[in-house]
Amino acid sequence: MKKTGILMMVVAFVSMSFVKLESNEIATYSVNVEKSTLTWTGYKPTGSHTGTVLLQSGTIEMNGKKIKSGSFIADMATIKDADGSARLEGHLKSADFFEIEVFPISKFEVTKTHHMDGKTHVTGNLTIKNVTKEITFHADVNVVGDTVTLTSKTFKINRAEYNIKYKSQTFFNDLKGKFINDEFDLQVTIVANK
């Protein structure tokens, strides 16, 4: 009887060990650029503009249902204004803003994540115009079958930190009411598949 009990404990221990190993398995997901969106909103005293930028590529590494790492490249030539203003789109692509002929991509690399109250706090390095700054944003991360979806809360980016000077009060103090806010909103939805 004792031998049977010991045997059952050994089997249970071995089974639990395999379950633990399986839950720590790292899985790599490739970003579906057609289903992923980066939505921006810029502000000035007289109103705002909203638009999108498309991802060029990216990967997410998951440890179970938690993000281990990730790397994403945005194609700055795809920047769009939601109202369809070709003039604004051209201006955003120019040297006044993102200067896409010199800096065709922006990128974000996850350096760490923290999980609390069902939310994921994602920290990483955001590079725009070859300037890299650490940012943190909150996101919901869902894994269903072979698909992971990361949906961020709206967070703010300070363009002045990336040397985007056009009508910025950080660089010019005589703009009066004709400035454009340094901070703009960004919301990210990333869909990736195994």
N, C-alpha and C. Protein backbone atom coordinates (compact mmCIF):
# COMPACT_ATOMS: atom_id res chain seq x y z
N MET A 1 0.83 -1.20 0.00
CA MET A 1 0.00 0.00 0.00
C MET A 1 0.88 1.26 0.00
N LYS A 2 1.94 1.22 0.82
CA LYS A 2 2.83 2.37 0.88
C LYS A 2 3.51 2.60 -0.46
N LYS A 3 3.90 1.48 -1.12
CA LYS A 3 4.55 1.60 -2.43
C LYS A 3 3.63 2.26 -3.44
N THR A 4 2.35 1.92 -3.40
CA THR A 4 1.36 2.50 -4.32
C THR A 4 1.23 4.01 -4.07
N GLY A 5 1.19 4.38 -2.80
CA GLY A 5 1.08 5.80 -2.45
C GLY A 5 2.29 6.58 -2.92
N ILE A 6 3.48 6.01 -2.71
CA ILE A 6 4.71 6.67 -3.15
C ILE A 6 4.74 6.79 -4.66
N LEU A 7 4.33 5.72 -5.35
CA LEU A 7 4.29 5.73 -6.81
C LEU A 7 3.35 6.81 -7.34
N MET A 8 2.19 6.97 -6.69
CA MET A 8 1.22 8.00 -7.10
C MET A 8 1.80 9.40 -6.90
N MET A 9 2.53 9.59 -5.81
CA MET A 9 3.14 10.90 -5.54
C MET A 9 4.21 11.22 -6.59
N VAL A 10 4.98 10.22 -6.97
CA VAL A 10 6.03 10.42 -7.99
C VAL A 10 5.39 10.79 -9.32
N VAL A 11 4.32 10.07 -9.70
CA VAL A 11 3.62 10.35 -10.96
C VAL A 11 3.05 11.76 -10.94
N ALA A 12 2.43 12.15 -9.81
CA ALA A 12 1.86 13.49 -9.69
C ALA A 12 2.94 14.56 -9.80
N PHE A 13 4.10 14.33 -9.16
CA PHE A 13 5.19 15.30 -9.21
C PHE A 13 5.73 15.47 -10.63
N VAL A 14 5.91 14.32 -11.32
CA VAL A 14 6.41 14.36 -12.69
C VAL A 14 5.40 15.09 -13.59
N SER A 15 4.12 14.80 -13.41
CA SER A 15 3.08 15.46 -14.21
C SER A 15 3.08 16.97 -13.99
N MET A 16 3.20 17.37 -12.73
CA MET A 16 3.23 18.81 -12.41
C MET A 16 4.46 19.46 -13.02
N SER A 17 5.58 18.76 -13.05
CA SER A 17 6.80 19.30 -13.64
C SER A 17 6.61 19.58 -15.12
N PHE A 18 5.95 18.64 -15.82
CA PHE A 18 5.70 18.83 -17.25
C PHE A 18 4.76 19.99 -17.50
N VAL A 19 3.74 20.15 -16.66
CA VAL A 19 2.80 21.27 -16.80
C VAL A 19 3.53 22.59 -16.64
N LYS A 20 4.43 22.64 -15.64
CA LYS A 20 5.19 23.87 -15.41
C LYS A 20 6.08 24.20 -16.61
N LEU A 21 6.75 23.17 -17.15
CA LEU A 21 7.60 23.41 -18.31
C LEU A 21 6.80 23.91 -19.49
N GLU A 22 5.61 23.34 -19.67
CA GLU A 22 4.78 23.74 -20.80
C GLU A 22 4.34 25.20 -20.67
N SER A 23 4.01 25.63 -19.44
CA SER A 23 3.53 27.00 -19.24
C SER A 23 4.65 28.02 -19.43
N ASN A 24 5.93 27.56 -19.32
CA ASN A 24 7.05 28.47 -19.51
C ASN A 24 7.60 28.44 -20.93
N GLU A 25 6.92 27.75 -21.82
CA GLU A 25 7.37 27.66 -23.20
C GLU A 25 7.24 29.01 -23.89
N ILE A 26 8.29 29.43 -24.59
CA ILE A 26 8.28 30.71 -25.30
C ILE A 26 7.73 30.49 -26.71
N ALA A 27 6.74 31.28 -27.09
CA ALA A 27 6.15 31.18 -28.42
C ALA A 27 6.33 32.51 -29.14
N THR A 28 6.71 32.43 -30.41
CA THR A 28 6.92 33.63 -31.21
C THR A 28 5.75 33.85 -32.16
N TYR A 29 5.24 35.08 -32.17
CA TYR A 29 4.12 35.46 -33.02
C TYR A 29 4.59 36.55 -33.98
N SER A 30 4.16 36.46 -35.23
CA SER A 30 4.48 37.48 -36.23
C SER A 30 3.31 38.44 -36.37
N VAL A 31 3.61 39.73 -36.42
CA VAL A 31 2.57 40.74 -36.50
C VAL A 31 1.83 40.66 -37.83
N ASN A 32 0.51 40.71 -37.74
CA ASN A 32 -0.33 40.81 -38.93
C ASN A 32 -0.49 42.29 -39.23
N VAL A 33 0.26 42.81 -40.20
CA VAL A 33 0.29 44.25 -40.44
C VAL A 33 -1.04 44.77 -40.98
N GLU A 34 -1.83 43.91 -41.60
CA GLU A 34 -3.12 44.34 -42.15
C GLU A 34 -4.17 44.53 -41.06
N LYS A 35 -4.01 43.83 -39.95
CA LYS A 35 -5.00 43.92 -38.86
C LYS A 35 -4.53 44.79 -37.70
N SER A 36 -3.28 45.23 -37.76
CA SER A 36 -2.71 46.06 -36.68
C SER A 36 -2.82 47.54 -37.05
N THR A 37 -3.04 48.39 -36.04
CA THR A 37 -3.20 49.83 -36.29
C THR A 37 -2.47 50.66 -35.24
N LEU A 38 -1.88 51.75 -35.70
CA LEU A 38 -1.33 52.79 -34.82
C LEU A 38 -2.14 54.04 -35.11
N THR A 39 -2.87 54.53 -34.12
CA THR A 39 -3.73 55.70 -34.31
C THR A 39 -3.17 56.87 -33.51
N TRP A 40 -2.96 58.00 -34.18
CA TRP A 40 -2.40 59.20 -33.53
C TRP A 40 -3.41 60.34 -33.54
N THR A 41 -3.29 61.23 -32.56
CA THR A 41 -4.06 62.47 -32.54
C THR A 41 -3.14 63.60 -32.09
N GLY A 42 -3.02 64.63 -32.94
CA GLY A 42 -2.22 65.80 -32.61
C GLY A 42 -3.12 66.98 -32.31
N TYR A 43 -2.64 67.88 -31.45
CA TYR A 43 -3.48 68.98 -30.97
C TYR A 43 -2.83 70.34 -31.19
N LYS A 44 -3.70 71.33 -31.41
CA LYS A 44 -3.30 72.74 -31.44
C LYS A 44 -4.46 73.54 -30.84
N PRO A 45 -4.25 74.83 -30.52
CA PRO A 45 -5.32 75.59 -29.86
C PRO A 45 -6.65 75.62 -30.63
N THR A 46 -6.59 75.52 -31.94
CA THR A 46 -7.82 75.62 -32.74
C THR A 46 -8.45 74.28 -33.08
N GLY A 47 -7.89 73.18 -32.58
CA GLY A 47 -8.49 71.88 -32.88
C GLY A 47 -7.50 70.74 -32.83
N SER A 48 -7.79 69.68 -33.57
CA SER A 48 -6.94 68.49 -33.56
C SER A 48 -7.04 67.77 -34.91
N HIS A 49 -6.09 66.88 -35.13
CA HIS A 49 -6.09 66.01 -36.30
C HIS A 49 -5.82 64.58 -35.83
N THR A 50 -6.48 63.64 -36.46
CA THR A 50 -6.30 62.22 -36.13
C THR A 50 -5.95 61.46 -37.40
N GLY A 51 -5.17 60.41 -37.24
CA GLY A 51 -4.81 59.59 -38.39
C GLY A 51 -4.17 58.29 -37.97
N THR A 52 -3.54 57.63 -38.92
CA THR A 52 -2.95 56.32 -38.66
C THR A 52 -1.55 56.21 -39.28
N VAL A 53 -0.82 55.23 -38.80
CA VAL A 53 0.45 54.80 -39.39
C VAL A 53 0.42 53.28 -39.41
N LEU A 54 0.92 52.67 -40.47
CA LEU A 54 0.92 51.22 -40.57
C LEU A 54 2.24 50.62 -40.11
N LEU A 55 2.15 49.44 -39.55
CA LEU A 55 3.36 48.70 -39.21
C LEU A 55 3.93 48.05 -40.46
N GLN A 56 5.25 48.00 -40.51
CA GLN A 56 5.95 47.33 -41.61
C GLN A 56 6.19 45.86 -41.26
N SER A 57 6.51 45.62 -39.98
CA SER A 57 6.78 44.25 -39.51
C SER A 57 6.84 44.26 -37.99
N GLY A 58 6.94 43.06 -37.42
CA GLY A 58 7.07 42.97 -35.97
C GLY A 58 6.90 41.55 -35.47
N THR A 59 7.40 41.31 -34.27
CA THR A 59 7.22 40.01 -33.60
C THR A 59 6.95 40.23 -32.12
N ILE A 60 6.21 39.30 -31.55
CA ILE A 60 5.98 39.28 -30.11
C ILE A 60 6.37 37.90 -29.60
N GLU A 61 7.15 37.86 -28.53
CA GLU A 61 7.45 36.59 -27.87
C GLU A 61 6.62 36.50 -26.61
N MET A 62 5.87 35.41 -26.48
CA MET A 62 4.98 35.22 -25.35
C MET A 62 5.48 34.08 -24.46
N ASN A 63 5.40 34.29 -23.16
CA ASN A 63 5.64 33.25 -22.17
C ASN A 63 4.28 32.92 -21.58
N GLY A 64 3.63 31.90 -22.15
CA GLY A 64 2.25 31.63 -21.77
C GLY A 64 1.36 32.76 -22.29
N LYS A 65 0.72 33.48 -21.36
CA LYS A 65 -0.15 34.60 -21.75
C LYS A 65 0.47 35.95 -21.42
N LYS A 66 1.78 35.93 -21.16
CA LYS A 66 2.49 37.17 -20.82
C LYS A 66 3.55 37.49 -21.87
N ILE A 67 3.69 38.79 -22.18
CA ILE A 67 4.70 39.21 -23.16
C ILE A 67 6.09 39.09 -22.55
N LYS A 68 6.98 38.41 -23.26
CA LYS A 68 8.38 38.32 -22.84
C LYS A 68 9.20 39.40 -23.53
N SER A 69 8.96 39.58 -24.83
CA SER A 69 9.69 40.60 -25.59
C SER A 69 8.91 40.91 -26.86
N GLY A 70 9.37 41.92 -27.57
CA GLY A 70 8.71 42.28 -28.82
C GLY A 70 9.49 43.36 -29.54
N SER A 71 9.31 43.41 -30.85
CA SER A 71 9.96 44.42 -31.67
C SER A 71 9.05 44.77 -32.83
N PHE A 72 8.85 46.08 -33.05
CA PHE A 72 7.88 46.53 -34.05
C PHE A 72 8.47 47.68 -34.87
N ILE A 73 8.25 47.64 -36.18
CA ILE A 73 8.74 48.69 -37.08
C ILE A 73 7.55 49.34 -37.78
N ALA A 74 7.46 50.66 -37.68
CA ALA A 74 6.40 51.42 -38.33
C ALA A 74 6.93 52.05 -39.61
N ASP A 75 6.15 51.97 -40.66
CA ASP A 75 6.50 52.55 -41.96
C ASP A 75 5.96 53.98 -42.00
N MET A 76 6.84 54.96 -41.79
CA MET A 76 6.40 56.35 -41.66
C MET A 76 5.84 56.93 -42.96
N ALA A 77 6.14 56.29 -44.08
CA ALA A 77 5.59 56.75 -45.37
C ALA A 77 4.08 56.49 -45.46
N THR A 78 3.55 55.66 -44.54
CA THR A 78 2.13 55.32 -44.58
C THR A 78 1.28 56.25 -43.70
N ILE A 79 1.88 57.28 -43.14
CA ILE A 79 1.12 58.17 -42.26
C ILE A 79 -0.06 58.79 -43.00
N LYS A 80 -1.25 58.69 -42.40
CA LYS A 80 -2.48 59.17 -43.02
C LYS A 80 -3.24 60.07 -42.07
N ASP A 81 -3.94 61.04 -42.67
CA ASP A 81 -4.87 61.88 -41.94
C ASP A 81 -6.27 61.30 -42.14
N ALA A 82 -7.03 61.16 -41.05
CA ALA A 82 -8.36 60.55 -41.14
C ALA A 82 -9.31 61.34 -42.03
N ASP A 83 -9.08 62.64 -42.16
CA ASP A 83 -9.92 63.48 -43.03
C ASP A 83 -9.44 63.48 -44.48
N GLY A 84 -8.36 62.79 -44.75
CA GLY A 84 -7.88 62.66 -46.13
C GLY A 84 -7.15 63.86 -46.68
N SER A 85 -6.57 64.69 -45.80
CA SER A 85 -5.86 65.88 -46.25
C SER A 85 -4.47 65.51 -46.78
N ALA A 86 -4.31 65.55 -48.10
CA ALA A 86 -3.01 65.25 -48.71
C ALA A 86 -1.98 66.30 -48.29
N ARG A 87 -2.43 67.53 -48.09
CA ARG A 87 -1.52 68.62 -47.68
C ARG A 87 -0.94 68.33 -46.30
N LEU A 88 -1.80 67.93 -45.36
CA LEU A 88 -1.32 67.61 -44.01
C LEU A 88 -0.41 66.39 -44.05
N GLU A 89 -0.79 65.37 -44.79
CA GLU A 89 0.04 64.16 -44.88
C GLU A 89 1.43 64.49 -45.43
N GLY A 90 1.46 65.32 -46.46
CA GLY A 90 2.74 65.73 -47.03
C GLY A 90 3.58 66.52 -46.03
N HIS A 91 2.91 67.37 -45.24
CA HIS A 91 3.63 68.17 -44.24
C HIS A 91 4.21 67.27 -43.15
N LEU A 92 3.43 66.28 -42.70
CA LEU A 92 3.91 65.36 -41.67
C LEU A 92 5.10 64.53 -42.15
N LYS A 93 5.16 64.26 -43.45
CA LYS A 93 6.26 63.49 -44.02
C LYS A 93 7.51 64.35 -44.28
N SER A 94 7.35 65.66 -44.21
CA SER A 94 8.44 66.59 -44.55
C SER A 94 9.42 66.75 -43.39
N ALA A 95 10.47 67.55 -43.63
CA ALA A 95 11.50 67.80 -42.62
C ALA A 95 10.95 68.54 -41.40
N ASP A 96 9.79 69.21 -41.54
CA ASP A 96 9.19 69.89 -40.38
C ASP A 96 8.77 68.90 -39.30
N PHE A 97 8.42 67.68 -39.73
CA PHE A 97 7.94 66.68 -38.77
C PHE A 97 8.80 65.41 -38.82
N PHE A 98 8.36 64.38 -39.52
CA PHE A 98 9.02 63.08 -39.42
C PHE A 98 10.12 62.84 -40.46
N GLU A 99 10.24 63.71 -41.46
CA GLU A 99 11.35 63.68 -42.43
C GLU A 99 11.60 62.27 -42.96
N ILE A 100 10.56 61.72 -43.61
CA ILE A 100 10.59 60.30 -43.95
C ILE A 100 11.64 59.92 -44.99
N GLU A 101 12.12 60.90 -45.80
CA GLU A 101 13.16 60.56 -46.77
C GLU A 101 14.47 60.20 -46.08
N VAL A 102 14.68 60.77 -44.90
CA VAL A 102 15.90 60.48 -44.12
C VAL A 102 15.63 59.40 -43.07
N PHE A 103 14.42 59.44 -42.48
CA PHE A 103 14.05 58.51 -41.41
C PHE A 103 12.77 57.77 -41.79
N PRO A 104 12.87 56.77 -42.67
CA PRO A 104 11.67 56.12 -43.20
C PRO A 104 10.91 55.24 -42.21
N ILE A 105 11.57 54.88 -41.11
CA ILE A 105 10.90 54.02 -40.13
C ILE A 105 11.03 54.58 -38.72
N SER A 106 10.10 54.19 -37.88
CA SER A 106 10.21 54.34 -36.43
C SER A 106 10.10 52.94 -35.86
N LYS A 107 10.65 52.73 -34.65
CA LYS A 107 10.57 51.38 -34.10
C LYS A 107 10.39 51.41 -32.59
N PHE A 108 9.86 50.30 -32.09
CA PHE A 108 9.65 50.14 -30.65
C PHE A 108 10.12 48.75 -30.26
N GLU A 109 10.94 48.68 -29.21
CA GLU A 109 11.44 47.40 -28.71
C GLU A 109 11.08 47.25 -27.25
N VAL A 110 10.38 46.18 -26.92
CA VAL A 110 9.98 45.91 -25.54
C VAL A 110 11.21 45.51 -24.73
N THR A 111 11.39 46.16 -23.58
CA THR A 111 12.51 45.81 -22.70
C THR A 111 12.05 45.09 -21.44
N LYS A 112 10.82 45.37 -21.00
CA LYS A 112 10.28 44.66 -19.83
C LYS A 112 8.77 44.86 -19.77
N THR A 113 8.11 43.96 -19.06
CA THR A 113 6.67 44.09 -18.81
C THR A 113 6.40 43.82 -17.34
N HIS A 114 5.34 44.44 -16.87
CA HIS A 114 4.90 44.24 -15.48
C HIS A 114 3.41 43.99 -15.52
N HIS A 115 2.96 42.96 -14.81
CA HIS A 115 1.55 42.58 -14.84
C HIS A 115 0.92 42.85 -13.48
N MET A 116 -0.18 43.62 -13.50
CA MET A 116 -0.84 43.97 -12.25
C MET A 116 -2.32 44.24 -12.52
N ASP A 117 -3.18 43.66 -11.68
CA ASP A 117 -4.63 43.86 -11.78
C ASP A 117 -5.18 43.54 -13.17
N GLY A 118 -4.64 42.49 -13.79
CA GLY A 118 -5.13 42.07 -15.10
C GLY A 118 -4.64 42.94 -16.26
N LYS A 119 -3.80 43.93 -15.97
CA LYS A 119 -3.27 44.81 -17.01
C LYS A 119 -1.78 44.55 -17.19
N THR A 120 -1.31 44.81 -18.40
CA THR A 120 0.11 44.68 -18.70
C THR A 120 0.70 46.07 -18.87
N HIS A 121 1.76 46.36 -18.13
CA HIS A 121 2.48 47.62 -18.26
C HIS A 121 3.71 47.32 -19.14
N VAL A 122 3.71 47.86 -20.33
CA VAL A 122 4.76 47.58 -21.31
C VAL A 122 5.77 48.73 -21.31
N THR A 123 7.03 48.40 -21.09
CA THR A 123 8.11 49.39 -21.14
C THR A 123 9.06 49.02 -22.27
N GLY A 124 9.51 50.02 -23.00
CA GLY A 124 10.44 49.75 -24.08
C GLY A 124 11.06 51.01 -24.64
N ASN A 125 11.87 50.84 -25.67
CA ASN A 125 12.57 51.96 -26.31
C ASN A 125 11.88 52.32 -27.62
N LEU A 126 11.41 53.57 -27.68
CA LEU A 126 10.78 54.09 -28.89
C LEU A 126 11.79 54.95 -29.63
N THR A 127 12.02 54.62 -30.90
CA THR A 127 12.97 55.38 -31.72
C THR A 127 12.22 56.09 -32.84
N ILE A 128 12.33 57.42 -32.85
CA ILE A 128 11.78 58.27 -33.91
C ILE A 128 12.88 59.21 -34.36
N LYS A 129 13.14 59.29 -35.66
CA LYS A 129 14.18 60.15 -36.22
C LYS A 129 15.55 59.88 -35.57
N ASN A 130 15.83 58.60 -35.34
CA ASN A 130 17.10 58.15 -34.75
C ASN A 130 17.31 58.62 -33.32
N VAL A 131 16.26 59.09 -32.66
CA VAL A 131 16.32 59.44 -31.24
C VAL A 131 15.54 58.37 -30.48
N THR A 132 16.16 57.81 -29.44
CA THR A 132 15.53 56.73 -28.68
C THR A 132 15.25 57.17 -27.26
N LYS A 133 14.00 56.97 -26.84
CA LYS A 133 13.57 57.30 -25.48
C LYS A 133 12.77 56.13 -24.92
N GLU A 134 12.88 55.94 -23.61
CA GLU A 134 12.09 54.88 -22.95
C GLU A 134 10.69 55.39 -22.68
N ILE A 135 9.70 54.57 -23.00
CA ILE A 135 8.30 54.90 -22.70
C ILE A 135 7.65 53.69 -22.03
N THR A 136 6.53 53.95 -21.34
CA THR A 136 5.72 52.89 -20.74
C THR A 136 4.26 53.17 -21.05
N PHE A 137 3.53 52.13 -21.42
CA PHE A 137 2.08 52.28 -21.62
C PHE A 137 1.37 51.04 -21.07
N HIS A 138 0.07 51.19 -20.83
CA HIS A 138 -0.75 50.10 -20.31
C HIS A 138 -1.49 49.44 -21.47
N ALA A 139 -1.66 48.12 -21.38
CA ALA A 139 -2.32 47.41 -22.47
C ALA A 139 -3.08 46.20 -21.96
N ASP A 140 -4.09 45.80 -22.72
CA ASP A 140 -4.75 44.51 -22.51
C ASP A 140 -4.11 43.53 -23.50
N VAL A 141 -3.75 42.34 -23.02
CA VAL A 141 -3.14 41.33 -23.87
C VAL A 141 -4.01 40.08 -23.81
N ASN A 142 -4.48 39.62 -24.98
CA ASN A 142 -5.33 38.44 -25.04
C ASN A 142 -4.72 37.42 -26.00
N VAL A 143 -4.70 36.17 -25.56
CA VAL A 143 -4.22 35.07 -26.40
C VAL A 143 -5.38 34.13 -26.64
N VAL A 144 -5.75 33.96 -27.91
CA VAL A 144 -6.83 33.04 -28.29
C VAL A 144 -6.31 32.16 -29.42
N GLY A 145 -6.14 30.87 -29.13
CA GLY A 145 -5.61 29.96 -30.14
C GLY A 145 -4.22 30.37 -30.56
N ASP A 146 -4.02 30.61 -31.84
CA ASP A 146 -2.71 30.99 -32.38
C ASP A 146 -2.58 32.49 -32.59
N THR A 147 -3.44 33.27 -31.95
CA THR A 147 -3.44 34.73 -32.14
C THR A 147 -3.30 35.46 -30.81
N VAL A 148 -2.40 36.44 -30.78
CA VAL A 148 -2.28 37.32 -29.62
C VAL A 148 -2.65 38.73 -30.07
N THR A 149 -3.46 39.41 -29.23
CA THR A 149 -3.87 40.79 -29.52
C THR A 149 -3.46 41.69 -28.36
N LEU A 150 -2.69 42.72 -28.68
CA LEU A 150 -2.29 43.73 -27.69
C LEU A 150 -3.04 45.01 -28.03
N THR A 151 -3.84 45.49 -27.07
CA THR A 151 -4.60 46.72 -27.26
C THR A 151 -4.19 47.71 -26.18
N SER A 152 -3.49 48.77 -26.57
CA SER A 152 -3.00 49.73 -25.57
C SER A 152 -4.09 50.71 -25.18
N LYS A 153 -3.93 51.25 -23.99
CA LYS A 153 -4.68 52.44 -23.63
C LYS A 153 -4.03 53.59 -24.40
N THR A 154 -4.77 54.69 -24.60
CA THR A 154 -4.17 55.85 -25.26
C THR A 154 -3.08 56.43 -24.35
N PHE A 155 -1.91 56.68 -24.93
CA PHE A 155 -0.82 57.27 -24.16
C PHE A 155 -0.21 58.43 -24.93
N LYS A 156 0.62 59.21 -24.26
CA LYS A 156 1.15 60.43 -24.86
C LYS A 156 2.63 60.29 -25.22
N ILE A 157 2.99 60.86 -26.36
CA ILE A 157 4.38 60.95 -26.81
C ILE A 157 4.72 62.43 -26.95
N ASN A 158 5.88 62.83 -26.43
CA ASN A 158 6.32 64.22 -26.55
C ASN A 158 7.25 64.33 -27.76
N ARG A 159 6.76 64.94 -28.83
CA ARG A 159 7.53 65.01 -30.08
C ARG A 159 8.81 65.83 -29.92
N ALA A 160 8.82 66.79 -28.99
CA ALA A 160 10.01 67.61 -28.78
C ALA A 160 11.20 66.76 -28.34
N GLU A 161 10.93 65.66 -27.64
CA GLU A 161 12.00 64.77 -27.20
C GLU A 161 12.66 64.05 -28.38
N TYR A 162 11.96 64.05 -29.52
CA TYR A 162 12.48 63.40 -30.73
C TYR A 162 12.92 64.42 -31.78
N ASN A 163 13.16 65.65 -31.32
CA ASN A 163 13.70 66.70 -32.17
C ASN A 163 12.76 67.10 -33.31
N ILE A 164 11.45 67.03 -33.04
CA ILE A 164 10.45 67.50 -34.01
C ILE A 164 10.05 68.90 -33.55
N LYS A 165 10.60 69.91 -34.21
CA LYS A 165 10.57 71.27 -33.69
C LYS A 165 9.44 72.16 -34.22
N TYR A 166 8.81 71.80 -35.30
CA TYR A 166 7.87 72.70 -35.99
C TYR A 166 6.79 73.22 -35.04
N LYS A 167 6.74 74.55 -34.88
CA LYS A 167 5.76 75.24 -34.02
C LYS A 167 5.67 74.64 -32.63
N SER A 168 6.83 74.27 -32.09
CA SER A 168 6.91 73.70 -30.75
C SER A 168 7.30 74.78 -29.75
N GLN A 169 6.54 74.88 -28.67
CA GLN A 169 6.86 75.87 -27.63
C GLN A 169 8.14 75.51 -26.87
N THR A 170 8.59 74.29 -26.99
CA THR A 170 9.87 73.91 -26.37
C THR A 170 11.03 74.61 -27.05
N PHE A 171 10.91 74.83 -28.36
CA PHE A 171 12.00 75.41 -29.13
C PHE A 171 11.78 76.88 -29.49
N PHE A 172 10.53 77.33 -29.51
CA PHE A 172 10.21 78.71 -29.91
C PHE A 172 9.28 79.34 -28.87
N ASN A 173 9.65 80.53 -28.39
CA ASN A 173 8.84 81.16 -27.34
C ASN A 173 8.01 82.34 -27.84
N ASP A 174 7.93 82.54 -29.16
CA ASP A 174 7.21 83.69 -29.71
C ASP A 174 6.04 83.26 -30.60
N LEU A 175 5.52 82.07 -30.36
CA LEU A 175 4.47 81.53 -31.23
C LEU A 175 3.07 82.03 -30.88
N LYS A 176 2.93 82.55 -29.66
CA LYS A 176 1.62 83.00 -29.16
C LYS A 176 0.60 81.88 -29.30
N GLY A 177 -0.48 82.10 -30.02
CA GLY A 177 -1.50 81.05 -30.15
C GLY A 177 -1.33 80.17 -31.35
N LYS A 178 -0.19 80.30 -32.04
CA LYS A 178 0.01 79.55 -33.29
C LYS A 178 0.95 78.36 -33.11
N PHE A 179 0.88 77.77 -31.93
CA PHE A 179 1.74 76.61 -31.67
C PHE A 179 0.98 75.31 -31.92
N ILE A 180 1.74 74.23 -32.01
CA ILE A 180 1.18 72.87 -32.05
C ILE A 180 1.68 72.17 -30.79
N ASN A 181 0.79 71.50 -30.08
CA ASN A 181 1.18 70.85 -28.83
C ASN A 181 2.34 69.89 -29.05
N ASP A 182 3.26 69.88 -28.09
CA ASP A 182 4.36 68.92 -28.16
C ASP A 182 3.87 67.49 -27.97
N GLU A 183 2.91 67.30 -27.09
CA GLU A 183 2.41 65.96 -26.83
C GLU A 183 1.30 65.58 -27.81
N PHE A 184 1.41 64.37 -28.34
CA PHE A 184 0.32 63.83 -29.14
C PHE A 184 -0.08 62.48 -28.59
N ASP A 185 -1.32 62.08 -28.87
CA ASP A 185 -1.84 60.81 -28.38
C ASP A 185 -1.50 59.69 -29.35
N LEU A 186 -1.25 58.50 -28.79
CA LEU A 186 -1.02 57.33 -29.61
C LEU A 186 -1.79 56.17 -29.00
N GLN A 187 -2.48 55.42 -29.84
CA GLN A 187 -3.16 54.20 -29.40
C GLN A 187 -2.75 53.09 -30.36
N VAL A 188 -2.36 51.96 -29.78
CA VAL A 188 -1.79 50.87 -30.56
C VAL A 188 -2.63 49.61 -30.40
N THR A 189 -3.00 49.01 -31.53
CA THR A 189 -3.62 47.68 -31.52
C THR A 189 -2.79 46.77 -32.41
N ILE A 190 -2.22 45.74 -31.81
CA ILE A 190 -1.34 44.83 -32.54
C ILE A 190 -1.93 43.43 -32.51
N VAL A 191 -2.10 42.86 -33.69
CA VAL A 191 -2.58 41.48 -33.83
C VAL A 191 -1.42 40.67 -34.42
N ALA A 192 -1.10 39.56 -33.78
CA ALA A 192 0.02 38.73 -34.24
C ALA A 192 -0.38 37.26 -34.21
N ASN A 193 0.19 36.51 -35.13
CA ASN A 193 -0.16 35.09 -35.26
C ASN A 193 1.08 34.21 -35.21
N LYS A 194 0.90 32.97 -34.73
CA LYS A 194 2.00 31.99 -34.70
C LYS A 194 2.37 31.59 -36.11
